[in-house]
Protein backbone atom coordinates (compact mmCIF):
# COMPACT_ATOMS: atom_id res chain seq x y z
CA MET A 1 104.46 124.09 91.12
CA LYS A 2 102.80 125.64 94.15
CA THR A 3 99.79 124.47 96.09
CA MET A 4 98.18 125.53 99.38
CA VAL A 5 97.80 123.49 102.62
CA ARG A 6 94.16 123.28 103.59
CA LYS A 7 92.32 122.03 106.76
CA TRP A 8 90.60 118.71 106.20
CA GLY A 9 88.68 117.49 109.34
CA ASN A 10 91.26 117.31 112.13
CA SER A 11 94.10 117.02 109.64
CA PHE A 12 95.54 119.07 106.90
CA GLY A 13 95.92 118.14 103.17
CA ILE A 14 97.20 119.37 99.87
CA ARG A 15 95.82 119.08 96.35
CA ILE A 16 98.05 117.40 93.83
CA PRO A 17 98.04 119.15 90.55
CA SER A 18 96.53 117.19 87.59
CA ALA A 19 99.95 117.30 85.71
CA TYR A 20 101.36 115.18 88.47
CA ILE A 21 98.32 113.00 88.72
CA LYS A 22 98.82 112.08 85.04
CA GLU A 23 102.51 111.85 85.15
CA PHE A 24 102.48 109.41 88.11
CA ASP A 25 99.28 107.58 87.19
CA LEU A 26 97.48 108.42 90.47
CA LYS A 27 93.85 107.78 91.08
CA GLY A 28 91.46 108.31 93.95
CA GLY A 29 92.51 105.85 96.62
CA SER A 30 96.14 105.62 95.31
CA LEU A 31 98.60 104.95 98.14
CA VAL A 32 101.53 107.30 98.65
CA GLU A 33 104.29 107.44 101.17
CA ILE A 34 105.26 110.72 102.80
CA LYS A 35 108.81 111.07 104.06
CA GLN A 36 110.82 113.89 105.53
CA ASN A 37 114.18 114.40 103.84
CA ARG A 38 116.53 117.23 104.87
CA GLY A 39 113.66 119.58 105.94
CA ARG A 40 111.42 118.76 102.95
CA LEU A 41 108.36 116.57 102.57
CA VAL A 42 108.60 114.04 99.86
CA ILE A 43 105.55 112.30 98.45
CA ILE A 44 106.41 108.92 96.85
CA PRO A 45 103.73 107.06 94.85
CA LYS A 46 103.34 103.42 95.92
CA LYS A 47 103.96 100.91 93.20
CA ASN A 48 102.82 97.34 93.60
CA THR A 49 105.44 94.63 93.34
CA LEU A 50 104.67 91.51 91.28
CA ASP A 51 104.34 89.55 94.50
CA GLU A 52 101.72 91.95 95.86
CA LEU A 53 99.78 91.83 92.62
CA LEU A 54 99.89 88.03 92.49
CA SER A 55 98.71 87.78 96.11
CA LYS A 56 95.39 89.26 95.03
CA VAL A 57 94.75 86.43 92.52
CA ASN A 58 92.30 83.89 93.87
CA ASP A 59 89.70 81.31 92.58
CA LYS A 60 87.04 84.07 92.14
CA ASN A 61 89.08 86.33 89.92
CA MET A 62 91.12 83.70 88.08
CA GLN A 63 90.40 83.81 84.32
CA GLU A 64 90.05 80.62 82.20
CA ARG A 65 93.17 79.34 80.49
CA ILE A 66 93.30 80.22 76.78
CA ASP A 67 94.75 77.85 74.24
CA THR A 68 96.90 79.70 71.76
CA GLY A 69 97.69 76.58 69.63
CA SER A 70 100.95 75.04 68.69
CA PRO A 71 104.24 77.09 68.54
CA VAL A 72 104.82 78.66 65.16
CA GLY A 73 108.34 79.85 65.73
CA LYS A 74 111.05 79.36 68.32
CA GLU A 75 108.78 79.97 71.29
CA GLU A 76 109.38 78.01 74.46
CA TRP A 77 106.28 77.11 76.59
């Protein structure tokens, strides 16, 4: 797929086609990494690790514990 480099303020930018937006689950504000590899620009979507996601949990956004009752099979809690 081809796209055009455009001037954006003092920088330049590209539009990412909607097919890639859907495929890589990108949204406005999504972080990506741009690398140079053998004369090519490579855009890599940033995926959060479990530790990064858990670091955002705090007392204000913690949900109440839900009692799911007693085990009904071979669950281990």
